[in-house]
Amino acid sequence: MSMLTPPGMGGQYRITGDKYPRMRPPRRRGRLVAAVVATVAVLGLIGWGTLQLIDVFAGGAKKTAAAGSKTACRPRTATAAQVNALPKPDRITVNVYNATARTGLAKTTADELKKRGFKIGDVGNAGKEFDKKVQSAGVVLGPASAQNTSLAVLGTQLPGAEQRTDTRKGADVDLILGDGFKSLAEPTAAQQALTALTAPKPTASAKKGC
C-alpha cells in the first residue's frame, strides 16, 4: 500500500502516486447566481408596480382636473327674465292733454288712441305745470304703480315720450303732447314695440374662453 493511502482506506480507495489530492469544498457559484437573478427580478417587479401605482394616481388626478375644467368651461344657458304681465290697451284709461299752441291736437290724438283700443278719459289743454313747457314729443305721466305697466304700454304709441310718475291715487295715465309732437307711432311699429316689451330677456350669457 502506498504511503499516500490514508489508514483504513485500502482496496478501491487506494491512492497511488506521490501527491495528496486537493480536498476542496463544493462550489456554490450556481446558488449565488440564482440568488442574484431572483433578487434582480423581485426588485424589477417592485419598481414596475410602483410605476403602475404612480401612473394610476396621476391619471386619476388628470381625469379629475379635466372633468373640473370641462365643468368650469361649460357654457351657461341663458335664462329668461320674468316679465310682468302688461295690461291690454282696453284696460288703460288715457287722459290726453295739449301743451302746445296748436289747436285740436288733443282731440285728434285721443280719437286715434281710441281706434287702437285705449279707453279715453279727459281731453283738453295741459295745466300750468306743462302748458307751453314741453319741448319734446310728449310726456307720459301716471302713478308709480303704472311705471312698468300702463305707462310702458302707452309709451309704445309715442316713441321718445318722457315717462314720469306722480302721487295720484287713481290708475289713469296722462299723455301730454309737447312741441316736438308730430304724430303717434304707426300701428305696426307700436305693436312691434309692445311685443318687444313682453318678450323675455336673457339674464345670463355663455361664458367666454370655453
Protein backbone atom coordinates (compact mmCIF):
# COMPACT_ATOMS: atom_id res chain seq x y z
CA MET A 1 0.00 0.00 0.00
CA SER A 2 1.29 3.37 -0.85
CA MET A 3 2.25 5.67 1.89
CA LEU A 4 -0.13 8.18 0.33
CA THR A 5 -3.08 5.97 1.16
CA PRO A 6 -4.68 7.05 4.44
CA PRO A 7 -5.08 4.36 7.02
CA GLY A 8 -8.21 2.25 6.67
CA MET A 9 -8.76 3.23 3.01
CA GLY A 10 -7.47 0.36 1.13
CA GLY A 11 -8.93 -1.51 -1.73
CA GLN A 12 -10.81 0.61 -4.17
CA TYR A 13 -9.97 3.78 -2.24
CA ARG A 14 -6.26 3.22 -2.53
CA ILE A 15 -4.45 6.24 -3.73
CA THR A 16 -1.39 5.77 -5.79
CA GLY A 17 1.21 8.27 -6.64
CA ASP A 18 3.38 10.61 -4.76
CA LYS A 19 0.97 13.56 -4.21
CA TYR A 20 -2.05 14.02 -1.95
CA PRO A 21 -5.33 15.03 -3.69
CA ARG A 22 -6.60 18.52 -3.03
CA MET A 23 -9.71 18.35 -0.87
CA ARG A 24 -11.81 21.46 -1.82
CA PRO A 25 -15.31 22.26 -0.54
CA PRO A 26 -18.10 22.01 -3.17
CA ARG A 27 -18.54 25.16 -5.20
CA ARG A 28 -21.65 27.29 -4.57
CA ARG A 29 -21.38 29.58 -7.61
CA GLY A 30 -24.63 28.25 -9.12
CA ARG A 31 -26.62 29.09 -5.99
CA LEU A 32 -25.12 32.56 -5.83
CA VAL A 33 -26.05 33.32 -9.44
CA ALA A 34 -29.59 32.07 -8.89
CA ALA A 35 -29.94 34.26 -5.79
CA VAL A 36 -28.71 37.33 -7.67
CA VAL A 37 -31.12 36.70 -10.56
CA ALA A 38 -34.04 36.24 -8.16
CA THR A 39 -33.16 39.45 -6.32
CA VAL A 40 -32.99 41.43 -9.55
CA ALA A 41 -36.35 40.01 -10.64
CA VAL A 42 -38.00 40.93 -7.33
CA LEU A 43 -36.59 44.47 -7.44
CA GLY A 44 -37.80 44.80 -11.02
CA LEU A 45 -41.30 43.73 -10.07
CA ILE A 46 -41.35 46.16 -7.15
CA GLY A 47 -40.21 49.02 -9.39
CA TRP A 48 -42.77 48.18 -12.09
CA GLY A 49 -45.56 48.01 -9.52
CA THR A 50 -44.53 51.40 -8.10
CA LEU A 51 -44.60 52.96 -11.55
CA GLN A 52 -48.05 51.50 -12.18
CA LEU A 53 -49.38 52.95 -8.92
CA ILE A 54 -47.92 56.37 -9.74
CA ASP A 55 -49.45 56.25 -13.19
CA VAL A 56 -52.85 55.27 -11.78
CA PHE A 57 -52.92 58.12 -9.27
CA ALA A 58 -51.50 60.61 -11.74
CA GLY A 59 -54.02 59.53 -14.38
CA GLY A 60 -56.87 59.87 -11.89
CA ALA A 61 -55.74 63.37 -10.99
CA LYS A 62 -55.54 64.34 -14.67
CA LYS A 63 -59.02 62.97 -15.31
CA THR A 64 -60.38 64.85 -12.30
CA ALA A 65 -58.70 68.06 -13.44
CA ALA A 66 -60.01 67.57 -16.97
CA ALA A 67 -63.51 66.92 -15.67
CA GLY A 68 -63.31 70.03 -13.50
CA SER A 69 -62.08 72.05 -16.47
CA LYS A 70 -64.96 70.84 -18.62
CA THR A 71 -67.42 71.68 -15.87
CA ALA A 72 -65.92 75.13 -15.37
CA CYS A 73 -65.98 75.87 -19.08
CA ARG A 74 -69.48 74.63 -19.64
CA PRO A 75 -71.41 77.47 -21.24
CA ARG A 76 -74.13 78.81 -19.06
CA THR A 77 -77.53 78.63 -20.57
CA ALA A 78 -79.21 81.99 -20.93
CA THR A 79 -82.18 82.30 -18.63
CA ALA A 80 -85.23 84.41 -19.31
CA ALA A 81 -86.03 87.28 -17.01
CA GLN A 82 -89.50 87.25 -15.59
CA VAL A 83 -91.74 89.79 -17.27
CA ASN A 84 -94.67 91.46 -15.55
CA ALA A 85 -97.98 90.89 -17.25
CA LEU A 86 -98.81 94.04 -19.19
CA PRO A 87 -102.38 95.30 -19.37
CA LYS A 88 -104.09 95.40 -22.73
CA PRO A 89 -104.98 98.83 -24.17
CA ASP A 90 -108.68 98.39 -23.39
CA ARG A 91 -107.77 98.18 -19.67
CA ILE A 92 -105.92 101.52 -19.73
CA THR A 93 -107.70 104.88 -19.41
CA VAL A 94 -105.75 107.73 -21.03
CA ASN A 95 -106.22 111.44 -20.47
CA VAL A 96 -104.92 113.44 -23.44
CA TYR A 97 -103.68 116.99 -22.87
CA ASN A 98 -102.30 119.53 -25.34
CA ALA A 99 -99.33 121.55 -24.06
CA THR A 100 -98.69 123.28 -27.42
CA ALA A 101 -100.17 126.32 -29.15
CA ARG A 102 -101.73 124.16 -31.84
CA THR A 103 -105.46 123.76 -31.56
CA GLY A 104 -107.34 120.47 -31.79
CA LEU A 105 -104.22 118.38 -31.23
CA ALA A 106 -105.51 116.63 -28.14
CA LYS A 107 -108.83 115.68 -29.79
CA THR A 108 -107.32 114.13 -32.92
CA THR A 109 -104.75 112.23 -30.87
CA ALA A 110 -107.41 110.92 -28.47
CA ASP A 111 -109.51 109.70 -31.39
CA GLU A 112 -106.54 107.78 -32.78
CA LEU A 113 -105.78 106.19 -29.43
CA LYS A 114 -109.41 105.12 -29.16
CA LYS A 115 -109.14 103.37 -32.52
CA ARG A 116 -106.17 101.45 -31.14
CA GLY A 117 -108.19 100.11 -28.25
CA PHE A 118 -107.40 102.56 -25.42
CA LYS A 119 -110.08 103.99 -23.17
CA ILE A 120 -110.20 107.79 -23.31
CA GLY A 121 -110.75 109.96 -20.24
CA ASP A 122 -110.28 113.72 -20.16
CA VAL A 123 -109.29 115.59 -23.32
CA GLY A 124 -108.17 119.23 -23.29
CA ASN A 125 -105.36 121.67 -22.67
CA ALA A 126 -102.50 120.89 -20.29
CA GLY A 127 -102.32 122.53 -16.88
CA LYS A 128 -99.94 125.30 -15.90
CA GLU A 129 -97.24 122.84 -14.91
CA PHE A 130 -96.87 121.67 -18.51
CA ASP A 131 -98.58 124.24 -20.74
CA LYS A 132 -96.03 125.57 -23.29
CA LYS A 133 -93.26 123.94 -21.24
CA VAL A 134 -92.84 120.58 -23.00
CA GLN A 135 -90.23 120.78 -25.74
CA SER A 136 -90.15 117.04 -26.51
CA ALA A 137 -92.78 114.99 -28.32
CA GLY A 138 -94.66 114.48 -25.09
CA VAL A 139 -94.80 113.23 -21.53
CA VAL A 140 -96.44 110.03 -20.30
CA LEU A 141 -97.49 110.58 -16.70
CA GLY A 142 -99.09 108.23 -14.18
CA PRO A 143 -98.89 106.65 -10.70
CA ALA A 144 -95.74 104.87 -9.58
CA SER A 145 -97.58 101.55 -9.78
CA ALA A 146 -98.02 102.06 -13.54
CA GLN A 147 -94.33 102.67 -14.31
CA ASN A 148 -93.67 99.27 -15.83
CA THR A 149 -97.24 98.50 -16.85
CA SER A 150 -99.69 101.10 -18.20
CA LEU A 151 -97.06 103.77 -18.80
CA ALA A 152 -94.89 101.32 -20.72
CA VAL A 153 -97.80 100.26 -22.92
CA LEU A 154 -98.83 103.85 -23.65
CA GLY A 155 -95.20 104.77 -24.32
CA THR A 156 -95.13 102.39 -27.29
CA GLN A 157 -97.59 104.71 -29.05
CA LEU A 158 -95.29 107.73 -28.86
CA PRO A 159 -91.56 106.95 -29.19
CA GLY A 160 -89.36 109.45 -27.39
CA ALA A 161 -92.02 110.44 -24.88
CA GLU A 162 -90.69 111.00 -21.36
CA GLN A 163 -92.16 108.77 -18.68
CA ARG A 164 -92.85 110.27 -15.25
CA THR A 165 -94.74 109.29 -12.14
CA ASP A 166 -96.67 111.33 -9.58
CA THR A 167 -98.59 110.75 -6.38
CA ARG A 168 -102.06 110.32 -7.87
CA LYS A 169 -104.29 107.67 -6.36
CA GLY A 170 -106.13 106.62 -9.48
CA ALA A 171 -104.90 104.27 -12.21
CA ASP A 172 -105.49 106.67 -15.14
CA VAL A 173 -102.45 107.85 -17.12
CA ASP A 174 -101.89 111.12 -18.96
CA LEU A 175 -100.48 111.75 -22.41
CA ILE A 176 -99.24 115.34 -22.56
CA LEU A 177 -98.37 116.43 -26.09
CA GLY A 178 -95.34 118.72 -26.47
CA ASP A 179 -93.90 120.98 -29.16
CA GLY A 180 -91.95 118.11 -30.71
CA PHE A 181 -95.07 116.04 -31.31
CA LYS A 182 -95.85 115.20 -34.95
CA SER A 183 -97.94 112.06 -34.79
CA LEU A 184 -98.35 108.80 -32.95
CA ALA A 185 -96.23 105.82 -33.99
CA GLU A 186 -97.51 103.78 -36.90
CA PRO A 187 -99.78 100.98 -35.65
CA THR A 188 -97.36 98.30 -36.90
CA ALA A 189 -94.37 99.92 -35.20
CA ALA A 190 -96.35 100.38 -31.99
CA GLN A 191 -97.35 96.71 -32.00
CA GLN A 192 -93.75 95.63 -32.55
CA ALA A 193 -92.63 97.79 -29.63
CA LEU A 194 -95.35 96.27 -27.45
CA THR A 195 -94.27 92.75 -28.46
CA ALA A 196 -90.68 93.61 -27.53
CA LEU A 197 -91.84 94.61 -24.06
CA THR A 198 -93.47 91.25 -23.44
CA ALA A 199 -90.58 89.18 -24.84
CA PRO A 200 -88.38 87.59 -22.12
CA LYS A 201 -84.85 88.94 -21.98
CA PRO A 202 -81.80 86.72 -21.22
CA THR A 203 -80.12 87.40 -17.89
CA ALA A 204 -77.02 85.18 -18.37
CA SER A 205 -74.74 84.78 -21.36
CA ALA A 206 -72.37 81.96 -22.35
CA LYS A 207 -69.00 82.13 -20.63
CA LYS A 208 -66.19 83.22 -22.93
CA GLY A 209 -62.99 81.31 -23.35
CA CYS A 210 -64.51 77.80 -23.13
